[in-house]
Amino acid sequence: MALFRNGAFVDDEWQFVDADAPLPAAGAIVLGKERYLAERAVLEGRADPLGLVLQTGETLEGLEQDVRRFALIVLDIPKYNDGRHYSTARILRDRLGYRGELRAQGDVLRDQINALHRSGFDALEVKHEGTIEALRTGAVVFVRDHYQPASLEGEEVHLSGLRRRLRVTQGDA
């Protein structure tokens, strides 16, 4: 998979640790929810960055007080047509105040990128070759003006275009 962050493909500095693998002594690690909850006390003393991966269907239950502890949260997307990750991202950003890296991992398609970004994702780990190529060549156009609020810090709702259209429509009537 290819990691796209801040407008470019980058190397991934995180080590994903399997449920039954020993914890590395040092370095940035990513654990699954079940393992994190089971080893929470041991991980409290860890100085290196800690990340969490949530599989499709896993909720944030039991993690509400811990989310700020994670420098990275990865939401796995095994199928592009499953939209639960959008809701999870909004909950993380809007309700729980998560400000670390939020990464969509898996079957991410080009058409989903703007919606993912507006839901709060700021990194993509993509396996779909067409999406990788579109990102690599700059073929993905990021929409700048929106009428709905988003989960991105500092983003404002832009109504000027809607107001202009309403004035023209009302004047024609």
C-alpha atoms as a PDB file:
ATOM      1  CA  MET A   1       0.000   0.000   0.000  1.00  0.00           C
ATOM      2  CA  ALA A   2       1.067   3.584  -0.614  1.00  0.00           C
ATOM      3  CA  LEU A   3       0.893   6.226   2.127  1.00  0.00           C
ATOM      4  CA  PHE A   4      -0.281   9.674   0.974  1.00  0.00           C
ATOM      5  CA  ARG A   5       0.088  12.511   3.473  1.00  0.00           C
ATOM      6  CA  ASN A   6       0.318  16.297   3.074  1.00  0.00           C
ATOM      7  CA  GLY A   7       0.026  16.129  -0.708  1.00  0.00           C
ATOM      8  CA  ALA A   8       2.774  13.560  -1.297  1.00  0.00           C
ATOM      9  CA  PHE A   9       3.589   9.880  -1.017  1.00  0.00           C
ATOM     10  CA  VAL A  10       5.815   9.256   1.998  1.00  0.00           C
ATOM     11  CA  ASP A  11       7.476   6.384   3.819  1.00  0.00           C
ATOM     12  CA  ASP A  12       5.582   5.030   6.798  1.00  0.00           C
ATOM     13  CA  GLU A  13       7.549   5.428  10.025  1.00  0.00           C
ATOM     14  CA  TRP A  14       5.027   3.345  11.989  1.00  0.00           C
ATOM     15  CA  GLN A  15       5.433  -0.346  12.779  1.00  0.00           C
ATOM     16  CA  PHE A  16       2.172  -2.318  12.831  1.00  0.00           C
ATOM     17  CA  VAL A  17       2.449  -4.984  15.538  1.00  0.00           C
ATOM     18  CA  ASP A  18       0.386  -8.168  15.181  1.00  0.00           C
ATOM     19  CA  ALA A  19      -1.772  -9.322  18.081  1.00  0.00           C
ATOM     20  CA  ASP A  20       0.589 -12.159  18.996  1.00  0.00           C
ATOM     21  CA  ALA A  21       3.933 -10.485  18.189  1.00  0.00           C
ATOM     22  CA  PRO A  22       6.213  -9.189  20.939  1.00  0.00           C
ATOM     23  CA  LEU A  23       6.238  -5.433  21.475  1.00  0.00           C
ATOM     24  CA  PRO A  24       9.356  -3.762  20.080  1.00  0.00           C
ATOM     25  CA  ALA A  25      11.487  -2.087  22.737  1.00  0.00           C
ATOM     26  CA  ALA A  26      11.480   1.228  20.865  1.00  0.00           C
ATOM     27  CA  GLY A  27       9.880   3.001  17.940  1.00  0.00           C
ATOM     28  CA  ALA A  28       6.447   4.171  16.872  1.00  0.00           C
ATOM     29  CA  ILE A  29       4.009   1.247  17.016  1.00  0.00           C
ATOM     30  CA  VAL A  30       0.407   0.633  15.995  1.00  0.00           C
ATOM     31  CA  LEU A  31      -1.734  -1.903  17.856  1.00  0.00           C
ATOM     32  CA  GLY A  32      -5.218  -3.273  17.393  1.00  0.00           C
ATOM     33  CA  LYS A  33      -7.956  -2.287  19.817  1.00  0.00           C
ATOM     34  CA  GLU A  34      -8.132  -5.627  21.630  1.00  0.00           C
ATOM     35  CA  ARG A  35      -4.399  -5.747  22.257  1.00  0.00           C
ATOM     36  CA  TYR A  36      -4.254  -2.124  23.347  1.00  0.00           C
ATOM     37  CA  LEU A  37      -7.036  -2.611  25.884  1.00  0.00           C
ATOM     38  CA  ALA A  38      -5.411  -5.801  27.204  1.00  0.00           C
ATOM     39  CA  GLU A  39      -1.984  -4.151  27.590  1.00  0.00           C
ATOM     40  CA  ARG A  40      -3.043  -0.596  28.418  1.00  0.00           C
ATOM     41  CA  ALA A  41      -1.227  -0.543  31.777  1.00  0.00           C
ATOM     42  CA  VAL A  42       2.054  -1.758  30.260  1.00  0.00           C
ATOM     43  CA  LEU A  43       1.815   0.792  27.443  1.00  0.00           C
ATOM     44  CA  GLU A  44       1.350   3.721  29.858  1.00  0.00           C
ATOM     45  CA  GLY A  45       5.101   3.853  30.487  1.00  0.00           C
ATOM     46  CA  ARG A  46       6.077   3.708  26.820  1.00  0.00           C
ATOM     47  CA  ALA A  47       7.869   6.868  25.665  1.00  0.00           C
ATOM     48  CA  ASP A  48       7.604   6.282  21.908  1.00  0.00           C
ATOM     49  CA  PRO A  49       4.539   7.269  19.863  1.00  0.00           C
ATOM     50  CA  LEU A  50       1.577   4.931  20.042  1.00  0.00           C
ATOM     51  CA  GLY A  51      -0.984   4.285  17.328  1.00  0.00           C
ATOM     52  CA  LEU A  52      -4.246   2.378  17.127  1.00  0.00           C
ATOM     53  CA  VAL A  53      -5.868   0.525  14.243  1.00  0.00           C
ATOM     54  CA  LEU A  54      -9.615  -0.087  14.243  1.00  0.00           C
ATOM     55  CA  GLN A  55     -10.981  -2.790  11.983  1.00  0.00           C
ATOM     56  CA  THR A  56     -14.326  -2.350  10.268  1.00  0.00           C
ATOM     57  CA  GLY A  57     -17.071  -2.941  12.807  1.00  0.00           C
ATOM     58  CA  GLU A  58     -14.946  -2.080  15.839  1.00  0.00           C
ATOM     59  CA  THR A  59     -16.279   0.851  17.820  1.00  0.00           C
ATOM     60  CA  LEU A  60     -14.620   3.456  19.999  1.00  0.00           C
ATOM     61  CA  GLU A  61     -16.265   1.984  23.097  1.00  0.00           C
ATOM     62  CA  GLY A  62     -13.740   1.750  25.909  1.00  0.00           C
ATOM     63  CA  LEU A  63     -11.337   4.151  24.187  1.00  0.00           C
ATOM     64  CA  GLU A  64     -13.050   7.481  24.822  1.00  0.00           C
ATOM     65  CA  GLN A  65     -10.577   8.533  27.531  1.00  0.00           C
ATOM     66  CA  ASP A  66      -7.568   7.243  25.583  1.00  0.00           C
ATOM     67  CA  VAL A  67      -7.880   8.770  22.110  1.00  0.00           C
ATOM     68  CA  ARG A  68      -5.649  11.766  22.856  1.00  0.00           C
ATOM     69  CA  ARG A  69      -2.905   9.340  23.794  1.00  0.00           C
ATOM     70  CA  PHE A  70      -2.619   8.089  20.210  1.00  0.00           C
ATOM     71  CA  ALA A  71      -0.433   9.977  17.756  1.00  0.00           C
ATOM     72  CA  LEU A  72      -2.042   7.947  14.957  1.00  0.00           C
ATOM     73  CA  ILE A  73      -5.424   6.288  14.545  1.00  0.00           C
ATOM     74  CA  VAL A  74      -5.920   4.078  11.495  1.00  0.00           C
ATOM     75  CA  LEU A  75      -9.384   3.090  10.303  1.00  0.00           C
ATOM     76  CA  ASP A  76      -9.260   0.001   8.109  1.00  0.00           C
ATOM     77  CA  ILE A  77     -11.487   0.067   5.022  1.00  0.00           C
ATOM     78  CA  PRO A  78     -11.586  -3.433   3.505  1.00  0.00           C
ATOM     79  CA  LYS A  79     -14.372  -2.531   1.045  1.00  0.00           C
ATOM     80  CA  TYR A  80     -14.953   0.866  -0.521  1.00  0.00           C
ATOM     81  CA  ASN A  81     -18.739   0.579  -0.143  1.00  0.00           C
ATOM     82  CA  ASP A  82     -18.698   0.377   3.671  1.00  0.00           C
ATOM     83  CA  GLY A  83     -19.163   3.906   5.029  1.00  0.00           C
ATOM     84  CA  ARG A  84     -18.921   3.330   8.781  1.00  0.00           C
ATOM     85  CA  HIS A  85     -15.446   4.863   8.874  1.00  0.00           C
ATOM     86  CA  TYR A  86     -16.893   8.292   7.969  1.00  0.00           C
ATOM     87  CA  SER A  87     -18.978   8.273  11.164  1.00  0.00           C
ATOM     88  CA  THR A  88     -16.082   7.037  13.274  1.00  0.00           C
ATOM     89  CA  ALA A  89     -13.856   9.799  11.910  1.00  0.00           C
ATOM     90  CA  ARG A  90     -16.442  12.478  12.711  1.00  0.00           C
ATOM     91  CA  ILE A  91     -16.876  11.118  16.247  1.00  0.00           C
ATOM     92  CA  LEU A  92     -13.113  11.130  16.781  1.00  0.00           C
ATOM     93  CA  ARG A  93     -12.670  14.683  15.532  1.00  0.00           C
ATOM     94  CA  ASP A  94     -15.890  16.369  16.674  1.00  0.00           C
ATOM     95  CA  ARG A  95     -16.926  14.616  19.893  1.00  0.00           C
ATOM     96  CA  LEU A  96     -13.667  13.278  21.261  1.00  0.00           C
ATOM     97  CA  GLY A  97     -11.398  16.116  20.129  1.00  0.00           C
ATOM     98  CA  TYR A  98      -8.804  13.907  18.454  1.00  0.00           C
ATOM     99  CA  ARG A  99      -6.088  16.012  16.774  1.00  0.00           C
ATOM    100  CA  GLY A 100      -3.502  13.398  15.788  1.00  0.00           C
ATOM    101  CA  GLU A 101      -3.102  11.789  12.383  1.00  0.00           C
ATOM    102  CA  LEU A 102      -6.246  10.025  11.204  1.00  0.00           C
ATOM    103  CA  ARG A 103      -5.515   7.567   8.424  1.00  0.00           C
ATOM    104  CA  ALA A 104      -7.845   5.695   6.077  1.00  0.00           C
ATOM    105  CA  GLN A 105      -6.254   2.370   5.137  1.00  0.00           C
ATOM    106  CA  GLY A 106      -7.330  -0.068   2.464  1.00  0.00           C
ATOM    107  CA  ASP A 107      -9.820   0.050  -0.371  1.00  0.00           C
ATOM    108  CA  VAL A 108      -9.966   3.815  -0.844  1.00  0.00           C
ATOM    109  CA  LEU A 109     -11.197   5.022  -4.224  1.00  0.00           C
ATOM    110  CA  ARG A 110     -10.490   8.326  -5.926  1.00  0.00           C
ATOM    111  CA  ASP A 111     -14.124   9.450  -5.650  1.00  0.00           C
ATOM    112  CA  GLN A 112     -14.041   9.084  -1.853  1.00  0.00           C
ATOM    113  CA  ILE A 113     -11.032  11.277  -1.153  1.00  0.00           C
ATOM    114  CA  ASN A 114     -12.856  14.597  -0.699  1.00  0.00           C
ATOM    115  CA  ALA A 115     -15.456  13.023   1.599  1.00  0.00           C
ATOM    116  CA  LEU A 116     -12.710  11.320   3.623  1.00  0.00           C
ATOM    117  CA  HIS A 117     -10.852  14.605   3.961  1.00  0.00           C
ATOM    118  CA  ARG A 118     -13.994  16.446   5.072  1.00  0.00           C
ATOM    119  CA  SER A 119     -14.742  13.711   7.615  1.00  0.00           C
ATOM    120  CA  GLY A 120     -11.401  14.369   9.276  1.00  0.00           C
ATOM    121  CA  PHE A 121      -8.926  12.027   7.594  1.00  0.00           C
ATOM    122  CA  ASP A 122      -5.558  13.618   6.890  1.00  0.00           C
ATOM    123  CA  ALA A 123      -3.672  10.605   5.517  1.00  0.00           C
ATOM    124  CA  LEU A 124      -4.517   7.757   3.147  1.00  0.00           C
ATOM    125  CA  GLU A 125      -2.893   4.351   2.879  1.00  0.00           C
ATOM    126  CA  VAL A 126      -4.185   3.255  -0.501  1.00  0.00           C
ATOM    127  CA  LYS A 127      -4.088  -0.131  -2.220  1.00  0.00           C
ATOM    128  CA  HIS A 128      -6.243   0.710  -5.268  1.00  0.00           C
ATOM    129  CA  GLU A 129      -3.841   1.250  -8.198  1.00  0.00           C
ATOM    130  CA  GLY A 130      -6.133   3.709  -9.993  1.00  0.00           C
ATOM    131  CA  THR A 131      -6.376   5.890  -6.900  1.00  0.00           C
ATOM    132  CA  ILE A 132      -2.615   5.747  -6.345  1.00  0.00           C
ATOM    133  CA  GLU A 133      -2.034   6.862  -9.930  1.00  0.00           C
ATOM    134  CA  ALA A 134      -4.613   9.671  -9.643  1.00  0.00           C
ATOM    135  CA  LEU A 135      -2.923  10.966  -6.484  1.00  0.00           C
ATOM    136  CA  ARG A 136       0.547  10.590  -8.010  1.00  0.00           C
ATOM    137  CA  THR A 137      -0.372  12.568 -11.143  1.00  0.00           C
ATOM    138  CA  GLY A 138      -2.399  15.230  -9.352  1.00  0.00           C
ATOM    139  CA  ALA A 139      -5.648  14.145 -11.011  1.00  0.00           C
ATOM    140  CA  VAL A 140      -7.570  14.348  -7.738  1.00  0.00           C
ATOM    141  CA  VAL A 141      -9.154  17.777  -7.407  1.00  0.00           C
ATOM    142  CA  PHE A 142      -9.801  18.872  -3.845  1.00  0.00           C
ATOM    143  CA  VAL A 143     -13.016  20.855  -3.502  1.00  0.00           C
ATOM    144  CA  ARG A 144     -12.403  24.104  -1.628  1.00  0.00           C
ATOM    145  CA  ASP A 145     -15.863  25.613  -1.148  1.00  0.00           C
ATOM    146  CA  HIS A 146     -18.560  23.704   0.709  1.00  0.00           C
ATOM    147  CA  TYR A 147     -21.983  24.513   2.071  1.00  0.00           C
ATOM    148  CA  GLN A 148     -21.882  22.001   4.924  1.00  0.00           C
ATOM    149  CA  PRO A 149     -19.612  22.161   7.967  1.00  0.00           C
ATOM    150  CA  ALA A 150     -16.761  19.681   8.201  1.00  0.00           C
ATOM    151  CA  SER A 151     -14.549  18.061  10.804  1.00  0.00           C
ATOM    152  CA  LEU A 152     -11.434  19.872   9.672  1.00  0.00           C
ATOM    153  CA  GLU A 153      -9.887  22.382  12.010  1.00  0.00           C
ATOM    154  CA  GLY A 154     -10.170  25.910  10.651  1.00  0.00           C
ATOM    155  CA  GLU A 155     -12.463  25.057   7.746  1.00  0.00           C
ATOM    156  CA  GLU A 156     -15.295  27.496   7.287  1.00  0.00           C
ATOM    157  CA  VAL A 157     -18.625  27.099   5.587  1.00  0.00           C
ATOM    158  CA  HIS A 158     -18.673  29.141   2.379  1.00  0.00           C
ATOM    159  CA  LEU A 159     -22.121  30.372   1.455  1.00  0.00           C
ATOM    160  CA  SER A 160     -21.179  33.116  -1.010  1.00  0.00           C
ATOM    161  CA  GLY A 161     -21.763  30.908  -4.059  1.00  0.00           C
ATOM    162  CA  LEU A 162     -25.165  29.797  -2.771  1.00  0.00           C
ATOM    163  CA  ARG A 163     -26.170  33.384  -2.000  1.00  0.00           C
ATOM    164  CA  ARG A 164     -25.175  34.501  -5.508  1.00  0.00           C
ATOM    165  CA  ARG A 165     -27.242  31.736  -7.082  1.00  0.00           C
ATOM    166  CA  LEU A 166     -30.233  32.537  -4.885  1.00  0.00           C
ATOM    167  CA  ARG A 167     -30.107  36.224  -5.854  1.00  0.00           C
ATOM    168  CA  VAL A 168     -29.996  35.386  -9.563  1.00  0.00           C
ATOM    169  CA  THR A 169     -32.852  32.901  -9.218  1.00  0.00           C
ATOM    170  CA  GLN A 170     -35.010  35.326  -7.222  1.00  0.00           C
ATOM    171  CA  GLY A 171     -34.338  38.150  -9.683  1.00  0.00           C
ATOM    172  CA  ASP A 172     -35.449  35.975 -12.607  1.00  0.00           C
ATOM    173  CA  ALA A 173     -38.733  34.991 -10.983  1.00  0.00           C
END
